[in-house]
Amino acid sequence: MAVYTVHIPPAAPGEAPSPERVVFLRDGFSAPAFLFGPLWLAWRRAFAPAVLWSALLALVLGGGAAFGSNAEAASVLQLALGLLLGFEGPRLVAWSLERKGYTESAVMVADRMDEAEDVFFANWRPSGAVVTTAPTTAAGATAMRPIVGGLFEEPRA
């Protein structure tokens, strides 16, 4: 099971945010972020983190050359920075989205992103609140139904 964070775009007052602009980010290690580094950040439109990460890599290479460190030490440091970006890359993209006015509104747990999208949009209301409807029993009482989409399922009325 993967964890996805849902980011809602800003909308004009009185208007609903566009569902096409809702962003789902998979939380956890990102192999493309590890392999491609700043290019992956730029592809995800996180330009400020991409520039800062490129500057950090240039500083590591330039500092290593200026201080005369060996190539193995620079390679190990670059590998460590790549692992750090692999683990924290999605959070950098989320930070960049927050700077653009997006709000993190939900955390979804699903096997695949399309499942997370289906569950989110089935319960999402354009005002931005995620609500669920509880089915009623034959006696007219509201039955308890597990809320799917959080880290833990819990019955709610």
N, C-alpha and C. Protein backbone atom coordinates (compact mmCIF):
# COMPACT_ATOMS: atom_id res chain seq x y z
N MET A 1 0.84 -1.17 0.00
CA MET A 1 0.00 0.00 0.00
C MET A 1 0.89 1.24 0.00
N ALA A 2 0.51 2.19 -0.78
CA ALA A 2 1.24 3.45 -0.87
C ALA A 2 0.41 4.56 -0.23
N VAL A 3 1.11 5.58 0.22
CA VAL A 3 0.46 6.74 0.82
C VAL A 3 0.58 7.89 -0.17
N TYR A 4 -0.53 8.56 -0.45
CA TYR A 4 -0.58 9.69 -1.36
C TYR A 4 -1.10 10.90 -0.62
N THR A 5 -0.46 12.04 -0.84
CA THR A 5 -0.99 13.29 -0.30
C THR A 5 -1.71 14.01 -1.43
N VAL A 6 -2.82 14.65 -1.09
CA VAL A 6 -3.66 15.32 -2.08
C VAL A 6 -3.52 16.82 -1.88
N HIS A 7 -3.18 17.52 -2.96
CA HIS A 7 -2.97 18.97 -2.91
C HIS A 7 -4.00 19.65 -3.81
N ILE A 8 -4.78 20.55 -3.20
CA ILE A 8 -5.87 21.25 -3.90
C ILE A 8 -5.36 22.61 -4.37
N PRO A 9 -5.62 22.97 -5.64
CA PRO A 9 -5.16 24.26 -6.15
C PRO A 9 -5.97 25.42 -5.57
N PRO A 10 -5.40 26.61 -5.62
CA PRO A 10 -6.18 27.77 -5.17
C PRO A 10 -7.29 28.06 -6.18
N ALA A 11 -8.36 28.62 -5.68
CA ALA A 11 -9.50 28.99 -6.55
C ALA A 11 -9.94 30.40 -6.20
N ALA A 12 -10.57 31.02 -7.16
CA ALA A 12 -11.12 32.36 -6.94
C ALA A 12 -12.23 32.27 -5.90
N PRO A 13 -12.45 33.34 -5.15
CA PRO A 13 -13.53 33.31 -4.15
C PRO A 13 -14.87 32.99 -4.79
N GLY A 14 -15.57 32.04 -4.19
CA GLY A 14 -16.88 31.65 -4.70
C GLY A 14 -16.83 30.60 -5.79
N GLU A 15 -15.65 30.23 -6.26
CA GLU A 15 -15.51 29.22 -7.30
C GLU A 15 -14.91 27.96 -6.73
N ALA A 16 -15.24 26.85 -7.32
CA ALA A 16 -14.67 25.56 -6.91
C ALA A 16 -13.33 25.36 -7.62
N PRO A 17 -12.37 24.75 -6.95
CA PRO A 17 -11.10 24.46 -7.64
C PRO A 17 -11.30 23.42 -8.74
N SER A 18 -10.51 23.53 -9.76
CA SER A 18 -10.61 22.63 -10.90
C SER A 18 -10.10 21.23 -10.51
N PRO A 19 -10.91 20.19 -10.72
CA PRO A 19 -10.45 18.84 -10.38
C PRO A 19 -9.25 18.38 -11.20
N GLU A 20 -9.09 18.94 -12.40
CA GLU A 20 -7.96 18.55 -13.25
C GLU A 20 -6.63 19.03 -12.67
N ARG A 21 -6.68 20.06 -11.83
CA ARG A 21 -5.45 20.62 -11.27
C ARG A 21 -5.10 20.05 -9.90
N VAL A 22 -5.93 19.15 -9.37
CA VAL A 22 -5.63 18.50 -8.09
C VAL A 22 -4.42 17.60 -8.29
N VAL A 23 -3.46 17.69 -7.38
CA VAL A 23 -2.20 16.94 -7.51
C VAL A 23 -2.14 15.86 -6.44
N PHE A 24 -1.81 14.64 -6.87
CA PHE A 24 -1.59 13.53 -5.96
C PHE A 24 -0.09 13.24 -5.96
N LEU A 25 0.53 13.25 -4.77
CA LEU A 25 1.95 12.96 -4.65
C LEU A 25 2.12 11.68 -3.84
N ARG A 26 2.88 10.75 -4.41
CA ARG A 26 3.17 9.52 -3.69
C ARG A 26 4.24 9.82 -2.66
N ASP A 27 3.93 9.49 -1.42
CA ASP A 27 4.88 9.72 -0.34
C ASP A 27 5.78 8.50 -0.24
N GLY A 28 7.06 8.72 -0.05
CA GLY A 28 8.00 7.62 0.06
C GLY A 28 9.17 7.83 -0.90
N PHE A 29 10.00 6.79 -1.03
CA PHE A 29 11.19 6.89 -1.86
C PHE A 29 10.81 7.01 -3.33
N SER A 30 11.49 7.92 -4.03
CA SER A 30 11.26 8.12 -5.46
C SER A 30 12.55 7.77 -6.22
N ALA A 31 12.52 6.66 -6.94
CA ALA A 31 13.68 6.25 -7.72
C ALA A 31 14.05 7.27 -8.80
N PRO A 32 13.07 7.86 -9.53
CA PRO A 32 13.45 8.88 -10.51
C PRO A 32 14.13 10.10 -9.87
N ALA A 33 13.70 10.48 -8.67
CA ALA A 33 14.36 11.60 -7.98
C ALA A 33 15.79 11.23 -7.63
N PHE A 34 16.01 10.00 -7.20
CA PHE A 34 17.36 9.53 -6.88
C PHE A 34 18.25 9.50 -8.12
N LEU A 35 17.70 9.03 -9.24
CA LEU A 35 18.51 8.86 -10.44
C LEU A 35 18.75 10.17 -11.20
N PHE A 36 17.73 11.02 -11.27
CA PHE A 36 17.81 12.19 -12.12
C PHE A 36 17.94 13.51 -11.38
N GLY A 37 17.77 13.50 -10.07
CA GLY A 37 18.02 14.67 -9.23
C GLY A 37 17.28 15.93 -9.64
N PRO A 38 18.02 17.01 -9.91
CA PRO A 38 17.38 18.29 -10.22
C PRO A 38 16.51 18.25 -11.48
N LEU A 39 16.83 17.38 -12.42
CA LEU A 39 15.98 17.26 -13.62
C LEU A 39 14.60 16.75 -13.24
N TRP A 40 14.53 15.83 -12.29
CA TRP A 40 13.24 15.33 -11.83
C TRP A 40 12.46 16.45 -11.14
N LEU A 41 13.15 17.25 -10.33
CA LEU A 41 12.47 18.38 -9.67
C LEU A 41 11.93 19.37 -10.70
N ALA A 42 12.72 19.67 -11.73
CA ALA A 42 12.26 20.59 -12.77
C ALA A 42 11.09 19.98 -13.55
N TRP A 43 11.11 18.68 -13.79
CA TRP A 43 10.01 18.01 -14.49
C TRP A 43 8.73 18.11 -13.68
N ARG A 44 8.86 18.06 -12.35
CA ARG A 44 7.69 18.17 -11.47
C ARG A 44 7.33 19.64 -11.20
N ARG A 45 7.94 20.55 -11.90
CA ARG A 45 7.69 21.99 -11.80
C ARG A 45 8.03 22.57 -10.44
N ALA A 46 9.01 21.98 -9.79
CA ALA A 46 9.52 22.51 -8.52
C ALA A 46 10.84 23.21 -8.86
N PHE A 47 10.72 24.39 -9.46
CA PHE A 47 11.90 25.06 -10.00
C PHE A 47 12.83 25.60 -8.93
N ALA A 48 12.30 26.17 -7.87
CA ALA A 48 13.16 26.70 -6.80
C ALA A 48 13.97 25.57 -6.15
N PRO A 49 13.36 24.44 -5.77
CA PRO A 49 14.17 23.35 -5.24
C PRO A 49 15.16 22.80 -6.26
N ALA A 50 14.80 22.80 -7.55
CA ALA A 50 15.72 22.29 -8.58
C ALA A 50 16.96 23.18 -8.66
N VAL A 51 16.76 24.48 -8.62
CA VAL A 51 17.91 25.41 -8.68
C VAL A 51 18.76 25.27 -7.42
N LEU A 52 18.11 25.19 -6.26
CA LEU A 52 18.86 25.06 -5.01
C LEU A 52 19.61 23.73 -4.93
N TRP A 53 18.99 22.66 -5.41
CA TRP A 53 19.66 21.36 -5.40
C TRP A 53 20.84 21.35 -6.37
N SER A 54 20.68 21.98 -7.53
CA SER A 54 21.80 22.09 -8.48
C SER A 54 22.94 22.88 -7.88
N ALA A 55 22.62 23.96 -7.16
CA ALA A 55 23.66 24.75 -6.50
C ALA A 55 24.36 23.92 -5.43
N LEU A 56 23.62 23.11 -4.70
CA LEU A 56 24.23 22.26 -3.68
C LEU A 56 25.18 21.25 -4.31
N LEU A 57 24.75 20.63 -5.42
CA LEU A 57 25.64 19.68 -6.11
C LEU A 57 26.88 20.37 -6.66
N ALA A 58 26.71 21.58 -7.20
CA ALA A 58 27.87 22.32 -7.69
C ALA A 58 28.80 22.69 -6.54
N LEU A 59 28.24 23.03 -5.40
CA LEU A 59 29.05 23.36 -4.23
C LEU A 59 29.84 22.14 -3.76
N VAL A 60 29.22 20.97 -3.79
CA VAL A 60 29.90 19.74 -3.39
C VAL A 60 31.05 19.45 -4.34
N LEU A 61 30.79 19.56 -5.64
CA LEU A 61 31.86 19.29 -6.61
C LEU A 61 32.95 20.36 -6.56
N GLY A 62 32.53 21.62 -6.50
CA GLY A 62 33.51 22.71 -6.45
C GLY A 62 34.29 22.72 -5.15
N GLY A 63 33.60 22.47 -4.05
CA GLY A 63 34.28 22.44 -2.76
C GLY A 63 35.25 21.28 -2.67
N GLY A 64 34.85 20.14 -3.21
CA GLY A 64 35.75 18.99 -3.21
C GLY A 64 36.99 19.24 -4.03
N ALA A 65 36.83 19.89 -5.17
CA ALA A 65 37.99 20.20 -6.01
C ALA A 65 38.87 21.27 -5.37
N ALA A 66 38.24 22.26 -4.73
CA ALA A 66 39.01 23.34 -4.10
C ALA A 66 39.81 22.85 -2.91
N PHE A 67 39.25 21.92 -2.15
CA PHE A 67 39.94 21.43 -0.97
C PHE A 67 40.78 20.20 -1.25
N GLY A 68 40.77 19.76 -2.48
CA GLY A 68 41.63 18.66 -2.89
C GLY A 68 41.18 17.30 -2.38
N SER A 69 39.89 17.11 -2.17
CA SER A 69 39.43 15.80 -1.72
C SER A 69 39.45 14.83 -2.90
N ASN A 70 39.52 13.56 -2.58
CA ASN A 70 39.60 12.57 -3.65
C ASN A 70 38.24 12.35 -4.31
N ALA A 71 38.24 11.73 -5.45
CA ALA A 71 37.02 11.53 -6.23
C ALA A 71 36.06 10.57 -5.54
N GLU A 72 36.60 9.60 -4.78
CA GLU A 72 35.73 8.65 -4.09
C GLU A 72 34.88 9.36 -3.03
N ALA A 73 35.48 10.30 -2.32
CA ALA A 73 34.72 11.02 -1.30
C ALA A 73 33.61 11.86 -1.93
N ALA A 74 33.89 12.50 -3.05
CA ALA A 74 32.86 13.28 -3.74
C ALA A 74 31.75 12.37 -4.26
N SER A 75 32.12 11.18 -4.74
CA SER A 75 31.11 10.23 -5.23
C SER A 75 30.21 9.75 -4.09
N VAL A 76 30.80 9.46 -2.95
CA VAL A 76 30.00 9.01 -1.81
C VAL A 76 29.07 10.12 -1.35
N LEU A 77 29.55 11.36 -1.34
CA LEU A 77 28.71 12.48 -0.93
C LEU A 77 27.57 12.71 -1.93
N GLN A 78 27.87 12.58 -3.21
CA GLN A 78 26.82 12.73 -4.22
C GLN A 78 25.79 11.60 -4.12
N LEU A 79 26.25 10.38 -3.82
CA LEU A 79 25.33 9.27 -3.62
C LEU A 79 24.43 9.53 -2.41
N ALA A 80 25.01 10.04 -1.34
CA ALA A 80 24.23 10.36 -0.14
C ALA A 80 23.21 11.46 -0.44
N LEU A 81 23.61 12.47 -1.19
CA LEU A 81 22.66 13.54 -1.56
C LEU A 81 21.56 12.99 -2.48
N GLY A 82 21.91 12.07 -3.36
CA GLY A 82 20.91 11.45 -4.22
C GLY A 82 19.90 10.65 -3.41
N LEU A 83 20.38 9.90 -2.42
CA LEU A 83 19.47 9.17 -1.54
C LEU A 83 18.57 10.12 -0.76
N LEU A 84 19.15 11.21 -0.28
CA LEU A 84 18.35 12.20 0.44
C LEU A 84 17.25 12.77 -0.45
N LEU A 85 17.59 13.08 -1.69
CA LEU A 85 16.58 13.59 -2.62
C LEU A 85 15.56 12.51 -2.95
N GLY A 86 15.98 11.27 -3.05
CA GLY A 86 15.04 10.18 -3.31
C GLY A 86 14.00 10.06 -2.21
N PHE A 87 14.44 10.25 -0.96
CA PHE A 87 13.50 10.15 0.16
C PHE A 87 12.69 11.43 0.36
N GLU A 88 13.30 12.59 0.16
CA GLU A 88 12.64 13.85 0.47
C GLU A 88 12.15 14.62 -0.77
N GLY A 89 12.37 14.11 -1.95
CA GLY A 89 11.94 14.78 -3.17
C GLY A 89 10.45 15.10 -3.22
N PRO A 90 9.59 14.12 -2.90
CA PRO A 90 8.15 14.45 -2.91
C PRO A 90 7.78 15.56 -1.93
N ARG A 91 8.46 15.65 -0.80
CA ARG A 91 8.18 16.74 0.14
C ARG A 91 8.64 18.08 -0.43
N LEU A 92 9.73 18.08 -1.19
CA LEU A 92 10.17 19.32 -1.85
C LEU A 92 9.15 19.76 -2.90
N VAL A 93 8.59 18.81 -3.61
CA VAL A 93 7.55 19.14 -4.59
C VAL A 93 6.31 19.68 -3.87
N ALA A 94 5.95 19.06 -2.74
CA ALA A 94 4.81 19.55 -1.96
C ALA A 94 5.08 20.97 -1.45
N TRP A 95 6.29 21.23 -1.01
CA TRP A 95 6.66 22.57 -0.55
C TRP A 95 6.51 23.57 -1.70
N SER A 96 6.95 23.19 -2.88
CA SER A 96 6.83 24.07 -4.04
C SER A 96 5.36 24.32 -4.38
N LEU A 97 4.52 23.30 -4.26
CA LEU A 97 3.09 23.48 -4.50
C LEU A 97 2.48 24.42 -3.46
N GLU A 98 2.90 24.30 -2.20
CA GLU A 98 2.39 25.20 -1.16
C GLU A 98 2.76 26.64 -1.45
N ARG A 99 3.94 26.86 -2.00
CA ARG A 99 4.35 28.21 -2.37
C ARG A 99 3.46 28.78 -3.47
N LYS A 100 2.87 27.91 -4.29
CA LYS A 100 1.98 28.34 -5.37
C LYS A 100 0.54 28.48 -4.91
N GLY A 101 0.28 28.22 -3.63
CA GLY A 101 -1.06 28.39 -3.10
C GLY A 101 -1.85 27.11 -2.92
N TYR A 102 -1.29 25.96 -3.26
CA TYR A 102 -1.98 24.70 -3.08
C TYR A 102 -2.05 24.39 -1.58
N THR A 103 -3.10 23.66 -1.20
CA THR A 103 -3.22 23.23 0.18
C THR A 103 -3.29 21.71 0.23
N GLU A 104 -2.57 21.14 1.18
CA GLU A 104 -2.62 19.69 1.36
C GLU A 104 -3.90 19.38 2.11
N SER A 105 -4.80 18.65 1.46
CA SER A 105 -6.13 18.48 2.05
C SER A 105 -6.44 17.07 2.50
N ALA A 106 -5.72 16.08 2.02
CA ALA A 106 -6.05 14.71 2.40
C ALA A 106 -4.82 13.82 2.26
N VAL A 107 -4.89 12.71 2.96
CA VAL A 107 -3.89 11.66 2.83
C VAL A 107 -4.65 10.40 2.46
N MET A 108 -4.28 9.79 1.35
CA MET A 108 -4.98 8.61 0.85
C MET A 108 -4.04 7.42 0.90
N VAL A 109 -4.57 6.26 1.24
CA VAL A 109 -3.80 5.01 1.25
C VAL A 109 -4.44 4.10 0.21
N ALA A 110 -3.64 3.70 -0.77
CA ALA A 110 -4.16 2.85 -1.85
C ALA A 110 -3.01 2.09 -2.48
N ASP A 111 -3.35 1.06 -3.25
CA ASP A 111 -2.33 0.30 -3.96
C ASP A 111 -1.76 1.08 -5.13
N ARG A 112 -2.64 1.78 -5.84
CA ARG A 112 -2.22 2.54 -7.02
C ARG A 112 -2.81 3.94 -6.96
N MET A 113 -2.22 4.84 -7.74
CA MET A 113 -2.69 6.22 -7.73
C MET A 113 -4.11 6.34 -8.25
N ASP A 114 -4.48 5.56 -9.25
CA ASP A 114 -5.84 5.67 -9.76
C ASP A 114 -6.87 5.24 -8.72
N GLU A 115 -6.53 4.30 -7.85
CA GLU A 115 -7.44 3.94 -6.76
C GLU A 115 -7.57 5.09 -5.77
N ALA A 116 -6.46 5.73 -5.45
CA ALA A 116 -6.50 6.88 -4.53
C ALA A 116 -7.34 8.00 -5.13
N GLU A 117 -7.20 8.24 -6.43
CA GLU A 117 -7.99 9.27 -7.10
C GLU A 117 -9.48 8.92 -7.07
N ASP A 118 -9.81 7.65 -7.33
CA ASP A 118 -11.21 7.24 -7.33
C ASP A 118 -11.85 7.46 -5.97
N VAL A 119 -11.16 7.05 -4.90
CA VAL A 119 -11.71 7.20 -3.55
C VAL A 119 -11.83 8.67 -3.19
N PHE A 120 -10.81 9.45 -3.53
CA PHE A 120 -10.84 10.87 -3.17
C PHE A 120 -11.97 11.60 -3.89
N PHE A 121 -12.06 11.42 -5.20
CA PHE A 121 -13.09 12.15 -5.96
C PHE A 121 -14.50 11.64 -5.70
N ALA A 122 -14.63 10.39 -5.23
CA ALA A 122 -15.95 9.89 -4.86
C ALA A 122 -16.47 10.60 -3.61
N ASN A 123 -15.55 11.05 -2.75
CA ASN A 123 -15.94 11.68 -1.49
C ASN A 123 -15.72 13.19 -1.47
N TRP A 124 -15.11 13.74 -2.49
CA TRP A 124 -14.72 15.15 -2.49
C TRP A 124 -15.88 16.03 -2.91
N ARG A 125 -16.01 17.13 -2.23
CA ARG A 125 -16.99 18.14 -2.59
C ARG A 125 -16.22 19.38 -3.02
N PRO A 126 -16.67 20.09 -4.05
CA PRO A 126 -15.92 21.23 -4.58
C PRO A 126 -15.55 22.30 -3.57
N SER A 127 -16.21 22.35 -2.44
CA SER A 127 -15.83 23.36 -1.45
C SER A 127 -14.48 23.02 -0.83
N GLY A 128 -13.98 21.82 -1.11
CA GLY A 128 -12.69 21.42 -0.60
C GLY A 128 -12.78 20.44 0.56
N ALA A 129 -13.96 20.24 1.11
CA ALA A 129 -14.10 19.33 2.23
C ALA A 129 -14.36 17.92 1.72
N VAL A 130 -13.72 16.95 2.32
CA VAL A 130 -13.98 15.56 1.99
C VAL A 130 -15.01 15.06 2.97
N VAL A 131 -16.14 14.65 2.46
CA VAL A 131 -17.21 14.17 3.32
C VAL A 131 -17.62 12.78 2.86
N THR A 132 -18.17 12.02 3.77
CA THR A 132 -18.70 10.71 3.41
C THR A 132 -20.14 10.64 3.86
N THR A 133 -20.90 9.82 3.19
CA THR A 133 -22.28 9.63 3.59
C THR A 133 -22.39 8.26 4.21
N ALA A 134 -23.07 8.17 5.31
CA ALA A 134 -23.25 6.89 5.99
C ALA A 134 -24.57 6.28 5.55
N PRO A 135 -24.58 5.00 5.21
CA PRO A 135 -25.82 4.37 4.80
C PRO A 135 -26.75 4.20 6.01
N THR A 136 -28.03 4.19 5.75
CA THR A 136 -28.99 4.00 6.82
C THR A 136 -29.43 2.55 6.86
N THR A 137 -29.76 2.08 8.04
CA THR A 137 -30.22 0.70 8.21
C THR A 137 -31.73 0.66 8.01
N ALA A 138 -32.29 -0.55 8.12
CA ALA A 138 -33.72 -0.72 7.91
C ALA A 138 -34.52 0.03 8.97
N ALA A 139 -33.97 0.16 10.17
CA ALA A 139 -34.67 0.85 11.25
C ALA A 139 -34.56 2.36 11.11
N GLY A 140 -33.82 2.84 10.13
CA GLY A 140 -33.67 4.27 9.91
C GLY A 140 -32.48 4.87 10.64
N ALA A 141 -31.77 4.06 11.41
CA ALA A 141 -30.58 4.56 12.11
C ALA A 141 -29.41 4.58 11.14
N THR A 142 -28.48 5.46 11.41
CA THR A 142 -27.30 5.56 10.57
C THR A 142 -26.32 4.46 10.94
N ALA A 143 -25.89 3.68 9.95
CA ALA A 143 -24.95 2.60 10.20
C ALA A 143 -23.53 3.15 10.23
N MET A 144 -22.66 2.48 10.96
CA MET A 144 -21.25 2.87 11.02
C MET A 144 -20.56 2.34 9.78
N ARG A 145 -19.76 3.16 9.15
CA ARG A 145 -19.08 2.80 7.92
C ARG A 145 -17.62 3.22 8.05
N PRO A 146 -16.68 2.35 7.70
CA PRO A 146 -15.27 2.76 7.83
C PRO A 146 -14.93 3.83 6.80
N ILE A 147 -14.14 4.80 7.23
CA ILE A 147 -13.66 5.85 6.35
C ILE A 147 -12.39 5.33 5.70
N VAL A 148 -12.38 5.22 4.40
CA VAL A 148 -11.20 4.77 3.69
C VAL A 148 -10.48 6.00 3.16
N GLY A 149 -9.20 6.07 3.35
CA GLY A 149 -8.46 7.20 2.83
C GLY A 149 -7.49 7.75 3.84
N GLY A 150 -7.58 7.34 5.06
CA GLY A 150 -6.62 7.80 6.06
C GLY A 150 -5.60 6.71 6.33
N LEU A 151 -4.75 6.96 7.29
CA LEU A 151 -3.77 5.94 7.65
C LEU A 151 -4.42 4.77 8.36
N PHE A 152 -5.48 5.05 9.12
CA PHE A 152 -6.18 4.01 9.85
C PHE A 152 -7.66 4.13 9.52
N GLU A 153 -8.30 3.00 9.30
CA GLU A 153 -9.73 3.03 9.08
C GLU A 153 -10.41 3.11 10.43
N GLU A 154 -11.38 3.97 10.54
CA GLU A 154 -12.10 4.08 11.80
C GLU A 154 -13.57 4.30 11.50
N PRO A 155 -14.44 3.68 12.27
CA PRO A 155 -15.86 3.88 12.04
C PRO A 155 -16.29 5.26 12.52
N ARG A 156 -17.12 5.90 11.73
CA ARG A 156 -17.68 7.19 12.07
C ARG A 156 -19.16 7.18 11.75
N ALA A 157 -19.88 7.97 12.47
CA ALA A 157 -21.33 8.04 12.23
C ALA A 157 -21.62 8.91 11.04
